[in-house]
Amino acid sequence: MIQMKRVYEEPSKEDGRRVLVDRVWPRGVSKEKAQLDEWMKEVAPSPDLRKWFGHKPERFEAFKESYEKELEESAERQDAVAKLRDWSEEGQVTLIYAAKDEEHNHVVVLRDFVNDNE
């Protein structure tokens, strides 16, 4: 199973494998505090797409379509998605992210993409 959690929330053993899926390291968080198992920068949206989106909810649907296209067309991102699927078959996987908006962010799209394309 794949779930999501902000990096600023306390880690717990129920998180299972903790995977940071942001391209940029979260501000103000040490590696010790984050307690990550992996950092998969390559699965994050491209810098241009991330900057265009700017976490503006009104752009989310267009962002989602563009990000899904990036996930489908990039071999590197496809490899990362395959790893996430494999890990989720073995146990709990928690996608870690820094965005404040818990509904309009790339991790929502990534989680659904991994789950829907199994």
C-alpha atoms as a PDB file:
ATOM      1  CA  MET A   1       0.000   0.000   0.000  1.00  0.00           C
ATOM      2  CA  ILE A   2       1.123   3.539  -0.750  1.00  0.00           C
ATOM      3  CA  GLN A   3       0.318   6.472   1.483  1.00  0.00           C
ATOM      4  CA  MET A   4       1.457  10.092   1.696  1.00  0.00           C
ATOM      5  CA  LYS A   5       2.925  12.107   4.552  1.00  0.00           C
ATOM      6  CA  ARG A   6       4.458  15.539   4.942  1.00  0.00           C
ATOM      7  CA  VAL A   7       8.119  15.498   5.902  1.00  0.00           C
ATOM      8  CA  TYR A   8       7.289  17.823   8.816  1.00  0.00           C
ATOM      9  CA  GLU A   9       5.109  15.152  10.468  1.00  0.00           C
ATOM     10  CA  GLU A  10       6.708  12.750  12.932  1.00  0.00           C
ATOM     11  CA  PRO A  11       7.947   9.500  11.383  1.00  0.00           C
ATOM     12  CA  SER A  12       6.369   6.306  12.686  1.00  0.00           C
ATOM     13  CA  LYS A  13       6.997   2.616  12.193  1.00  0.00           C
ATOM     14  CA  GLU A  14       3.600   2.393  10.441  1.00  0.00           C
ATOM     15  CA  ASP A  15       5.152   4.430   7.598  1.00  0.00           C
ATOM     16  CA  GLY A  16       7.057   1.400   6.364  1.00  0.00           C
ATOM     17  CA  ARG A  17       9.525   2.437   3.665  1.00  0.00           C
ATOM     18  CA  ARG A  18       9.818   6.260   3.688  1.00  0.00           C
ATOM     19  CA  VAL A  19      10.582   7.697   0.252  1.00  0.00           C
ATOM     20  CA  LEU A  20      11.145  11.413  -0.334  1.00  0.00           C
ATOM     21  CA  VAL A  21       9.750  12.237  -3.775  1.00  0.00           C
ATOM     22  CA  ASP A  22      10.633  15.942  -3.980  1.00  0.00           C
ATOM     23  CA  ARG A  23      13.354  17.196  -6.301  1.00  0.00           C
ATOM     24  CA  VAL A  24      14.553  19.715  -3.697  1.00  0.00           C
ATOM     25  CA  TRP A  25      15.488  18.875  -0.092  1.00  0.00           C
ATOM     26  CA  PRO A  26      12.800  20.156   2.336  1.00  0.00           C
ATOM     27  CA  ARG A  27      13.683  23.390   4.088  1.00  0.00           C
ATOM     28  CA  GLY A  28      14.609  23.127   7.747  1.00  0.00           C
ATOM     29  CA  VAL A  29      14.639  19.309   7.977  1.00  0.00           C
ATOM     30  CA  SER A  30      17.765  17.333   8.819  1.00  0.00           C
ATOM     31  CA  LYS A  31      18.427  13.936   7.308  1.00  0.00           C
ATOM     32  CA  GLU A  32      18.234  12.451  10.804  1.00  0.00           C
ATOM     33  CA  LYS A  33      14.819  13.971  11.466  1.00  0.00           C
ATOM     34  CA  ALA A  34      13.448  12.933   8.062  1.00  0.00           C
ATOM     35  CA  GLN A  35      14.364   9.268   8.651  1.00  0.00           C
ATOM     36  CA  LEU A  36      14.202   8.394   4.964  1.00  0.00           C
ATOM     37  CA  ASP A  37      14.923   5.078   3.314  1.00  0.00           C
ATOM     38  CA  GLU A  38      15.177   6.586  -0.180  1.00  0.00           C
ATOM     39  CA  TRP A  39      15.256   9.918  -1.963  1.00  0.00           C
ATOM     40  CA  MET A  40      13.813   9.570  -5.467  1.00  0.00           C
ATOM     41  CA  LYS A  41      14.408  13.001  -7.039  1.00  0.00           C
ATOM     42  CA  GLU A  42      14.001  11.503 -10.503  1.00  0.00           C
ATOM     43  CA  VAL A  43      10.286  10.799 -10.041  1.00  0.00           C
ATOM     44  CA  ALA A  44       9.443  14.422  -9.187  1.00  0.00           C
ATOM     45  CA  PRO A  45       8.015  16.790 -11.802  1.00  0.00           C
ATOM     46  CA  SER A  46      10.470  18.617 -14.036  1.00  0.00           C
ATOM     47  CA  PRO A  47      11.710  21.949 -12.675  1.00  0.00           C
ATOM     48  CA  ASP A  48       9.843  23.866 -15.388  1.00  0.00           C
ATOM     49  CA  LEU A  49       6.546  22.119 -14.639  1.00  0.00           C
ATOM     50  CA  ARG A  50       6.997  22.548 -10.893  1.00  0.00           C
ATOM     51  CA  LYS A  51       7.702  26.271 -11.275  1.00  0.00           C
ATOM     52  CA  TRP A  52       4.753  26.775 -13.651  1.00  0.00           C
ATOM     53  CA  PHE A  53       2.355  25.017 -11.264  1.00  0.00           C
ATOM     54  CA  GLY A  54       3.506  27.029  -8.249  1.00  0.00           C
ATOM     55  CA  HIS A  55       1.063  25.079  -6.037  1.00  0.00           C
ATOM     56  CA  LYS A  56      -1.861  27.083  -7.439  1.00  0.00           C
ATOM     57  CA  PRO A  57      -5.012  24.952  -7.027  1.00  0.00           C
ATOM     58  CA  GLU A  58      -6.594  26.450 -10.150  1.00  0.00           C
ATOM     59  CA  ARG A  59      -3.732  24.985 -12.209  1.00  0.00           C
ATOM     60  CA  PHE A  60      -3.897  21.533 -10.632  1.00  0.00           C
ATOM     61  CA  GLU A  61      -5.848  19.719 -13.382  1.00  0.00           C
ATOM     62  CA  ALA A  62      -3.509  20.977 -16.117  1.00  0.00           C
ATOM     63  CA  PHE A  63      -0.527  20.195 -13.884  1.00  0.00           C
ATOM     64  CA  LYS A  64      -1.837  16.670 -13.295  1.00  0.00           C
ATOM     65  CA  GLU A  65      -2.139  15.985 -17.027  1.00  0.00           C
ATOM     66  CA  SER A  66       1.357  17.322 -17.728  1.00  0.00           C
ATOM     67  CA  TYR A  67       2.941  15.428 -14.837  1.00  0.00           C
ATOM     68  CA  GLU A  68       1.252  12.157 -15.818  1.00  0.00           C
ATOM     69  CA  LYS A  69       2.632  12.662 -19.320  1.00  0.00           C
ATOM     70  CA  GLU A  70       6.125  13.121 -17.836  1.00  0.00           C
ATOM     71  CA  LEU A  71       5.666   9.932 -15.808  1.00  0.00           C
ATOM     72  CA  GLU A  72       4.591   7.998 -18.912  1.00  0.00           C
ATOM     73  CA  GLU A  73       7.243   9.312 -21.285  1.00  0.00           C
ATOM     74  CA  SER A  74      10.395   9.255 -19.158  1.00  0.00           C
ATOM     75  CA  ALA A  75      12.252   5.953 -18.831  1.00  0.00           C
ATOM     76  CA  GLU A  76      13.901   7.175 -15.624  1.00  0.00           C
ATOM     77  CA  ARG A  77      10.529   8.040 -14.081  1.00  0.00           C
ATOM     78  CA  GLN A  78       9.047   4.736 -15.272  1.00  0.00           C
ATOM     79  CA  ASP A  79      11.872   2.879 -13.499  1.00  0.00           C
ATOM     80  CA  ALA A  80      11.149   4.815 -10.304  1.00  0.00           C
ATOM     81  CA  VAL A  81       7.417   4.071 -10.568  1.00  0.00           C
ATOM     82  CA  ALA A  82       8.204   0.364 -11.039  1.00  0.00           C
ATOM     83  CA  LYS A  83      10.342   0.398  -7.872  1.00  0.00           C
ATOM     84  CA  LEU A  84       7.523   2.035  -5.917  1.00  0.00           C
ATOM     85  CA  ARG A  85       5.096  -0.626  -7.148  1.00  0.00           C
ATOM     86  CA  ASP A  86       7.495  -3.423  -6.214  1.00  0.00           C
ATOM     87  CA  TRP A  87       8.060  -1.976  -2.750  1.00  0.00           C
ATOM     88  CA  SER A  88       4.323  -1.516  -2.184  1.00  0.00           C
ATOM     89  CA  GLU A  89       3.773  -5.199  -2.962  1.00  0.00           C
ATOM     90  CA  GLU A  90       6.285  -6.029  -0.222  1.00  0.00           C
ATOM     91  CA  GLY A  91       4.701  -3.741   2.386  1.00  0.00           C
ATOM     92  CA  GLN A  92       3.799  -0.204   3.348  1.00  0.00           C
ATOM     93  CA  VAL A  93       5.377   2.647   1.365  1.00  0.00           C
ATOM     94  CA  THR A  94       5.016   6.271   2.431  1.00  0.00           C
ATOM     95  CA  LEU A  95       5.677   8.999  -0.106  1.00  0.00           C
ATOM     96  CA  ILE A  96       7.259  11.895   1.770  1.00  0.00           C
ATOM     97  CA  TYR A  97       6.839  15.466   0.548  1.00  0.00           C
ATOM     98  CA  ALA A  98       7.119  19.061   1.766  1.00  0.00           C
ATOM     99  CA  ALA A  99       4.189  20.858   0.076  1.00  0.00           C
ATOM    100  CA  LYS A 100       1.716  22.588   2.406  1.00  0.00           C
ATOM    101  CA  ASP A 101      -1.356  21.814   0.287  1.00  0.00           C
ATOM    102  CA  GLU A 102      -2.177  18.183   0.927  1.00  0.00           C
ATOM    103  CA  GLU A 103      -4.707  17.940  -1.936  1.00  0.00           C
ATOM    104  CA  HIS A 104      -3.047  19.844  -4.786  1.00  0.00           C
ATOM    105  CA  ASN A 105       0.491  18.535  -5.093  1.00  0.00           C
ATOM    106  CA  HIS A 106       2.536  16.175  -7.221  1.00  0.00           C
ATOM    107  CA  VAL A 107       2.460  13.392  -4.639  1.00  0.00           C
ATOM    108  CA  VAL A 108      -1.307  13.005  -5.007  1.00  0.00           C
ATOM    109  CA  VAL A 109      -0.783  12.526  -8.744  1.00  0.00           C
ATOM    110  CA  LEU A 110       2.159  10.163  -8.230  1.00  0.00           C
ATOM    111  CA  ARG A 111       0.328   8.013  -5.658  1.00  0.00           C
ATOM    112  CA  ASP A 112      -2.704   7.674  -7.922  1.00  0.00           C
ATOM    113  CA  PHE A 113      -0.511   7.007 -10.980  1.00  0.00           C
ATOM    114  CA  VAL A 114       1.351   4.198  -9.206  1.00  0.00           C
ATOM    115  CA  ASN A 115      -1.860   2.663  -7.858  1.00  0.00           C
ATOM    116  CA  ASP A 116      -3.896   3.008 -11.074  1.00  0.00           C
ATOM    117  CA  ASN A 117      -1.265   1.679 -13.439  1.00  0.00           C
ATOM    118  CA  GLU A 118      -0.388  -1.532 -11.622  1.00  0.00           C
END
